[in-house]
Amino acid sequence: MIKIGNIELPDFPLLLAPMEDVSDPPFRMLCKENGADLMYTEFISSEGLIRDASKSLQKLDIFEYERPIGVQIFGSDIASMEQSARIIERVQPDLLDINYGCPVMKVACKGAGAGILKDIDKMVRMTDAVVKATSLPVTVKTRLGWDEDSKNIMDVAERLQDIGIQALTIHGRTRVQMYKGSADWTLIAKVKENPRIKIPIFGNGDIDSPEKALEYKNKYGVDGIMIGRASIGYPWIFNEIKHYFKTGEKLAPPTLAERAAAAKRHFEFSVKWKGEKLGILEMRRHYTNYFKALPNFKEDRMALVTMMEADAILEKLEQIGQKEYV
């Protein structure tokens, strides 16, 4: 069993990564049903939270069936992060996670997300302020370093553990790499092997199949795996990995009818939670993933991403689930 504060997770838990515009309640519902052990909200701007921005506040919506669940925040101002931690405590998630890994320009160039990897002293001060501002367990997600010449993850892990974080997730790339090339898990393994490190270490990056999950589990010795992009449009990956760990056999992939039914439920929850217009627009990014590798799907995909009436989209998804694509 893995413990983070009072949270008890199974041996070798599978975590759903916090992904902007993806890890919302509709998507999390499907991942939870399909075996995700710990999930996170989309990352939330500390500046948005302290200014009561509606988009940031809506991201704090969590549901009892999602537990255990963490809220993830990012920011570059220590006072704002401290204040955000207090705001988040009111919604009573199971933990608070700090994002020190997002590589996108609009976040990193402001010194937030992976941008703080250029200033480890500030990262430590910020984390310390957040830990002291909340009674929630605080965890961190970060990268190996800013670039090839500054892979300082070992120092970061030790210093953050020393000020009280209770788990660390490491993405096996630098900020400069973004999502290019292959994730390097060798440094993640070295952090885990460090006798000074007592907190759970979770690995992240490039896990896209049950076989790879088992290989990395055995090879790198981490306490669990966080899965991001491979789950988009494919929430079944969590149960597929768990089944493979137990039996050494692969589960049959979901049928077209099952994929269409999942897309339909995802869509219905999106519309209910976000309102019809926004729910329709934001669901469009998911269809390609739900129906990946389907031959001659272009016409139906075009229909799904241009329709503006919920009933018509639901009917189209129903039809897709019953069609034969050749």
Protein backbone atom coordinates (compact mmCIF):
# COMPACT_ATOMS: atom_id res chain seq x y z
CA MET A 1 0.00 0.00 0.00
CA ILE A 2 1.17 3.54 -0.85
CA LYS A 3 0.33 6.35 1.59
CA ILE A 4 0.12 10.08 0.92
CA GLY A 5 -1.03 11.78 4.09
CA ASN A 6 -4.18 9.89 5.06
CA ILE A 7 -4.75 8.67 1.50
CA GLU A 8 -4.26 4.95 1.06
CA LEU A 9 -3.53 3.82 -2.48
CA PRO A 10 -3.04 0.28 -3.77
CA ASP A 11 0.44 -1.07 -4.38
CA PHE A 12 1.69 0.51 -7.59
CA PRO A 13 -1.18 2.94 -8.23
CA LEU A 14 -2.05 4.33 -11.66
CA LEU A 15 -2.52 8.10 -11.65
CA LEU A 16 -4.39 10.24 -14.16
CA ALA A 17 -2.25 13.24 -15.09
CA PRO A 18 -3.63 16.74 -14.69
CA MET A 19 -4.09 17.94 -18.29
CA GLU A 20 -5.33 21.37 -19.27
CA ASP A 21 -8.65 21.23 -21.16
CA VAL A 22 -8.74 17.45 -20.72
CA SER A 23 -8.85 16.36 -17.05
CA ASP A 24 -12.26 17.87 -16.30
CA PRO A 25 -15.04 16.07 -14.37
CA PRO A 26 -16.61 14.38 -17.45
CA PHE A 27 -13.29 12.87 -18.50
CA ARG A 28 -12.31 11.99 -14.93
CA MET A 29 -15.59 10.11 -14.46
CA LEU A 30 -14.68 7.73 -17.28
CA CYS A 31 -11.11 7.28 -16.06
CA LYS A 32 -12.30 6.53 -12.52
CA GLU A 33 -14.73 3.91 -13.80
CA ASN A 34 -11.91 2.36 -15.78
CA GLY A 35 -9.41 1.96 -12.98
CA ALA A 36 -7.59 5.25 -12.27
CA ASP A 37 -6.47 5.13 -8.62
CA LEU A 38 -5.69 8.81 -8.09
CA MET A 39 -6.79 11.71 -10.26
CA TYR A 40 -6.09 15.42 -10.44
CA THR A 41 -8.00 18.42 -11.68
CA GLU A 42 -6.78 20.42 -14.63
CA PHE A 43 -4.07 22.75 -13.43
CA ILE A 44 -5.49 25.94 -11.97
CA SER A 45 -3.93 29.40 -12.05
CA SER A 46 -3.26 30.76 -8.58
CA GLU A 47 -3.79 34.28 -9.92
CA GLY A 48 -7.17 33.24 -11.34
CA LEU A 49 -8.19 31.69 -8.03
CA ILE A 50 -7.37 34.68 -5.87
CA ARG A 51 -9.20 36.95 -8.31
CA ASP A 52 -12.31 34.72 -8.32
CA ALA A 53 -12.01 34.08 -12.07
CA SER A 54 -15.00 31.93 -13.02
CA LYS A 55 -12.97 29.52 -15.17
CA SER A 56 -10.50 28.88 -12.35
CA LEU A 57 -13.25 28.45 -9.76
CA GLN A 58 -15.17 26.01 -11.96
CA LYS A 59 -12.08 23.80 -12.11
CA LEU A 60 -12.44 23.31 -8.35
CA ASP A 61 -15.60 21.23 -8.90
CA ILE A 62 -14.97 17.77 -7.52
CA PHE A 63 -17.40 14.93 -6.82
CA GLU A 64 -17.40 12.39 -4.00
CA TYR A 65 -17.07 9.38 -6.32
CA GLU A 66 -13.80 10.80 -7.69
CA ARG A 67 -11.91 10.43 -4.42
CA PRO A 68 -9.07 10.33 -3.84
CA ILE A 69 -8.55 13.46 -5.93
CA GLY A 70 -6.00 16.25 -5.92
CA VAL A 71 -6.30 19.86 -7.02
CA GLN A 72 -3.28 21.12 -8.95
CA ILE A 73 -2.20 24.76 -8.95
CA PHE A 74 0.50 26.76 -10.71
CA GLY A 75 1.85 30.26 -10.40
CA SER A 76 4.98 32.38 -10.04
CA ASP A 77 4.05 34.55 -7.07
CA ILE A 78 4.62 32.96 -3.66
CA ALA A 79 1.96 35.01 -1.87
CA SER A 80 -0.65 34.12 -4.50
CA MET A 81 0.22 30.43 -4.27
CA GLU A 82 -0.07 30.58 -0.49
CA GLN A 83 -3.47 32.28 -0.72
CA SER A 84 -4.63 29.75 -3.34
CA ALA A 85 -3.76 26.87 -1.03
CA ARG A 86 -6.14 28.31 1.57
CA ILE A 87 -8.91 28.75 -1.02
CA ILE A 88 -8.46 25.16 -2.23
CA GLU A 89 -8.70 23.80 1.30
CA ARG A 90 -12.32 24.99 1.42
CA VAL A 91 -13.40 22.50 -1.28
CA GLN A 92 -11.70 19.67 0.64
CA PRO A 93 -9.82 17.70 -1.98
CA ASP A 94 -7.66 14.85 -0.72
CA LEU A 95 -4.41 16.59 -1.62
CA LEU A 96 -2.94 19.69 -3.22
CA ASP A 97 -0.43 19.30 -6.05
CA ILE A 98 1.94 21.99 -7.31
CA ASN A 99 2.73 22.09 -11.02
CA TYR A 100 6.43 22.71 -11.66
CA GLY A 101 6.36 20.83 -14.96
CA CYS A 102 4.13 22.57 -17.52
CA PRO A 103 6.45 23.51 -20.41
CA VAL A 104 4.14 25.71 -22.51
CA MET A 105 5.48 29.16 -23.27
CA LYS A 106 2.64 31.23 -21.76
CA VAL A 107 3.17 29.49 -18.40
CA ALA A 108 6.93 28.88 -18.30
CA CYS A 109 7.96 32.32 -19.58
CA LYS A 110 6.25 33.87 -16.55
CA GLY A 111 8.31 31.74 -14.19
CA ALA A 112 5.45 29.34 -13.42
CA GLY A 113 5.18 25.63 -14.24
CA ALA A 114 8.52 24.39 -15.58
CA GLY A 115 9.72 28.00 -15.69
CA ILE A 116 10.62 27.78 -12.01
CA LEU A 117 13.20 25.09 -12.82
CA LYS A 118 15.55 28.01 -13.54
CA ASP A 119 15.30 29.09 -9.89
CA ILE A 120 15.33 26.11 -7.53
CA ASP A 121 15.73 28.30 -4.45
CA LYS A 122 12.47 30.04 -5.30
CA MET A 123 10.81 26.67 -5.99
CA VAL A 124 11.77 25.55 -2.48
CA ARG A 125 10.53 28.80 -0.89
CA MET A 126 7.24 28.59 -2.77
CA THR A 127 6.68 24.95 -1.85
CA ASP A 128 7.49 25.66 1.77
CA ALA A 129 4.93 28.51 1.83
CA VAL A 130 2.22 26.25 0.33
CA VAL A 131 2.97 23.38 2.73
CA LYS A 132 2.68 25.77 5.69
CA ALA A 133 -0.54 27.37 4.36
CA THR A 134 -2.62 24.19 4.24
CA SER A 135 -3.41 21.10 6.28
CA LEU A 136 -3.79 19.10 3.02
CA PRO A 137 -0.97 16.79 1.92
CA VAL A 138 1.12 18.68 -0.64
CA THR A 139 2.66 16.87 -3.62
CA VAL A 140 4.66 18.12 -6.60
CA LYS A 141 4.88 17.31 -10.29
CA THR A 142 8.00 18.44 -12.12
CA ARG A 143 10.54 17.59 -14.82
CA LEU A 144 14.17 16.45 -14.82
CA GLY A 145 15.37 20.04 -15.13
CA TRP A 146 15.27 23.04 -17.45
CA ASP A 147 17.65 21.63 -20.09
CA GLU A 148 20.31 18.98 -20.64
CA ASP A 149 22.84 20.98 -18.60
CA SER A 150 20.60 21.44 -15.57
CA LYS A 151 19.07 18.06 -14.74
CA ASN A 152 18.90 18.82 -11.03
CA ILE A 153 16.02 16.53 -10.10
CA MET A 154 17.99 14.71 -7.37
CA ASP A 155 18.68 17.95 -5.51
CA VAL A 156 15.10 19.10 -6.08
CA ALA A 157 13.64 15.84 -4.73
CA GLU A 158 15.72 15.96 -1.56
CA ARG A 159 15.03 19.62 -0.85
CA LEU A 160 11.29 19.35 -1.48
CA GLN A 161 11.01 16.24 0.68
CA ASP A 162 12.88 18.06 3.46
CA ILE A 163 10.28 20.85 3.57
CA GLY A 164 7.37 18.46 3.73
CA ILE A 165 6.00 17.37 0.36
CA GLN A 166 4.46 13.91 0.58
CA ALA A 167 4.92 12.54 -2.96
CA LEU A 168 6.75 13.55 -6.13
CA THR A 169 5.83 12.86 -9.75
CA ILE A 170 8.66 13.23 -12.26
CA HIS A 171 8.15 13.61 -16.00
CA GLY A 172 11.19 12.16 -17.73
CA ARG A 173 11.96 15.16 -19.95
CA THR A 174 13.46 18.62 -19.51
CA ARG A 175 11.44 21.75 -20.16
CA VAL A 176 13.43 22.43 -23.34
CA GLN A 177 12.40 19.01 -24.69
CA MET A 178 8.70 19.88 -24.27
CA TYR A 179 7.09 16.56 -25.36
CA LYS A 180 9.66 15.71 -28.04
CA GLY A 181 11.98 12.72 -28.07
CA SER A 182 11.69 9.91 -25.54
CA ALA A 183 11.20 10.34 -21.82
CA ASP A 184 14.34 9.34 -19.89
CA TRP A 185 13.34 7.34 -16.81
CA THR A 186 16.90 6.54 -15.69
CA LEU A 187 17.11 9.69 -13.54
CA ILE A 188 13.64 8.99 -12.11
CA ALA A 189 14.96 5.57 -11.05
CA LYS A 190 18.02 7.16 -9.44
CA VAL A 191 15.80 9.45 -7.38
CA LYS A 192 13.78 6.44 -6.23
CA GLU A 193 16.98 4.54 -5.36
CA ASN A 194 18.37 7.45 -3.32
CA PRO A 195 18.38 6.20 0.31
CA ARG A 196 17.50 9.71 1.52
CA ILE A 197 14.20 9.65 -0.37
CA LYS A 198 11.33 8.23 1.69
CA ILE A 199 8.29 9.71 -0.12
CA PRO A 200 6.53 7.92 -3.03
CA ILE A 201 8.10 8.63 -6.44
CA PHE A 202 5.80 8.36 -9.45
CA GLY A 203 7.08 8.21 -13.02
CA ASN A 204 5.47 9.97 -15.97
CA GLY A 205 6.13 10.09 -19.69
CA ASP A 206 5.48 7.88 -22.72
CA ILE A 207 3.48 5.09 -21.01
CA ASP A 208 1.03 4.13 -23.75
CA SER A 209 0.51 0.37 -23.39
CA PRO A 210 0.22 -2.35 -20.73
CA GLU A 211 3.49 -3.90 -21.93
CA LYS A 212 5.39 -0.65 -21.52
CA ALA A 213 3.84 -0.03 -18.10
CA LEU A 214 5.04 -3.43 -16.86
CA GLU A 215 8.48 -2.99 -18.42
CA TYR A 216 8.96 0.41 -16.74
CA LYS A 217 7.55 -0.81 -13.43
CA ASN A 218 10.12 -3.59 -13.33
CA LYS A 219 13.02 -1.65 -14.85
CA TYR A 220 12.81 1.63 -12.94
CA GLY A 221 11.35 0.62 -9.57
CA VAL A 222 9.03 3.61 -9.17
CA ASP A 223 6.10 3.52 -6.74
CA GLY A 224 3.47 4.09 -9.45
CA ILE A 225 2.87 5.53 -12.89
CA MET A 226 1.09 8.67 -14.01
CA ILE A 227 -0.62 8.44 -17.39
CA GLY A 228 -1.51 11.46 -19.47
CA ARG A 229 -1.81 11.61 -23.24
CA ALA A 230 -2.40 7.87 -23.68
CA SER A 231 -5.66 8.14 -21.73
CA ILE A 232 -7.19 10.87 -23.91
CA GLY A 233 -10.12 9.24 -25.67
CA TYR A 234 -8.97 5.94 -24.19
CA PRO A 235 -9.86 5.75 -20.46
CA TRP A 236 -9.71 1.94 -20.73
CA ILE A 237 -5.91 2.04 -20.48
CA PHE A 238 -5.95 1.93 -16.67
CA ASN A 239 -7.88 -1.34 -16.43
CA GLU A 240 -5.93 -2.77 -19.35
CA ILE A 241 -2.67 -2.16 -17.49
CA LYS A 242 -4.01 -3.62 -14.24
CA HIS A 243 -5.29 -6.72 -16.02
CA TYR A 244 -1.94 -7.20 -17.75
CA PHE A 245 -0.08 -6.87 -14.44
CA LYS A 246 -2.27 -9.56 -12.88
CA THR A 247 -2.52 -12.04 -15.73
CA GLY A 248 0.16 -11.25 -18.31
CA GLU A 249 -2.63 -11.17 -20.87
CA LYS A 250 -4.07 -8.25 -22.78
CA LEU A 251 -7.73 -7.36 -22.49
CA ALA A 252 -9.64 -7.15 -25.74
CA PRO A 253 -9.84 -3.51 -26.84
CA PRO A 254 -13.20 -1.77 -26.52
CA THR A 255 -15.61 -2.41 -29.37
CA LEU A 256 -16.82 0.40 -31.57
CA ALA A 257 -20.13 0.34 -29.71
CA GLU A 258 -18.29 0.71 -26.38
CA ARG A 259 -16.19 3.59 -27.70
CA ALA A 260 -19.28 5.37 -29.01
CA ALA A 261 -21.10 4.81 -25.70
CA ALA A 262 -18.16 6.29 -23.76
CA ALA A 263 -17.99 9.31 -26.09
CA LYS A 264 -21.71 9.76 -25.65
CA ARG A 265 -21.54 9.74 -21.83
CA HIS A 266 -18.55 12.07 -21.94
CA PHE A 267 -20.52 14.43 -24.18
CA GLU A 268 -23.66 14.34 -22.04
CA PHE A 269 -21.73 15.18 -18.87
CA SER A 270 -19.82 17.94 -20.69
CA VAL A 271 -23.04 19.61 -21.80
CA LYS A 272 -24.58 19.23 -18.34
CA TRP A 273 -21.52 20.62 -16.56
CA LYS A 274 -20.43 23.38 -18.98
CA GLY A 275 -23.67 24.31 -20.68
CA GLU A 276 -24.68 23.25 -24.20
CA LYS A 277 -22.55 25.58 -26.33
CA LEU A 278 -19.29 25.22 -24.42
CA GLY A 279 -19.88 21.51 -23.82
CA ILE A 280 -20.29 20.95 -27.57
CA LEU A 281 -17.24 23.01 -28.52
CA GLU A 282 -14.88 21.55 -25.92
CA MET A 283 -15.90 17.97 -26.69
CA ARG A 284 -14.67 18.31 -30.27
CA ARG A 285 -11.04 17.71 -29.35
CA HIS A 286 -11.91 14.23 -28.06
CA TYR A 287 -13.62 12.59 -31.05
CA THR A 288 -10.44 11.83 -33.00
CA ASN A 289 -9.07 9.99 -29.97
CA TYR A 290 -12.23 8.02 -29.21
CA PHE A 291 -12.39 6.81 -32.81
CA LYS A 292 -8.68 6.60 -33.58
CA ALA A 293 -7.64 4.44 -36.52
CA LEU A 294 -11.22 3.97 -37.69
CA PRO A 295 -11.14 3.65 -41.50
CA ASN A 296 -13.22 6.09 -43.55
CA PHE A 297 -14.26 8.05 -40.47
CA LYS A 298 -13.58 11.50 -41.91
CA GLU A 299 -17.16 12.28 -42.93
CA ASP A 300 -18.58 11.35 -39.53
CA ARG A 301 -15.81 13.24 -37.73
CA MET A 302 -16.58 16.35 -39.77
CA ALA A 303 -20.23 16.03 -38.78
CA LEU A 304 -19.35 15.73 -35.09
CA VAL A 305 -17.11 18.82 -35.12
CA THR A 306 -19.54 21.04 -37.03
CA MET A 307 -22.91 20.19 -35.49
CA MET A 308 -24.17 22.66 -32.89
CA GLU A 309 -27.18 20.82 -31.48
CA ALA A 310 -26.74 18.33 -28.65
CA ASP A 311 -29.53 16.01 -29.81
CA ALA A 312 -28.07 15.75 -33.31
CA ILE A 313 -24.61 14.93 -31.92
CA LEU A 314 -26.02 12.25 -29.63
CA GLU A 315 -27.88 10.73 -32.55
CA LYS A 316 -24.71 10.78 -34.66
CA LEU A 317 -22.73 9.04 -31.88
CA GLU A 318 -25.48 6.42 -31.63
CA GLN A 319 -25.23 5.81 -35.40
CA ILE A 320 -21.42 5.58 -35.27
CA GLY A 321 -21.65 2.87 -32.60
CA GLN A 322 -23.81 0.75 -34.88
CA LYS A 323 -21.95 1.24 -38.17
CA GLU A 324 -19.42 -0.96 -39.84
CA TYR A 325 -16.30 0.89 -41.02
CA VAL A 326 -14.30 -0.82 -43.71
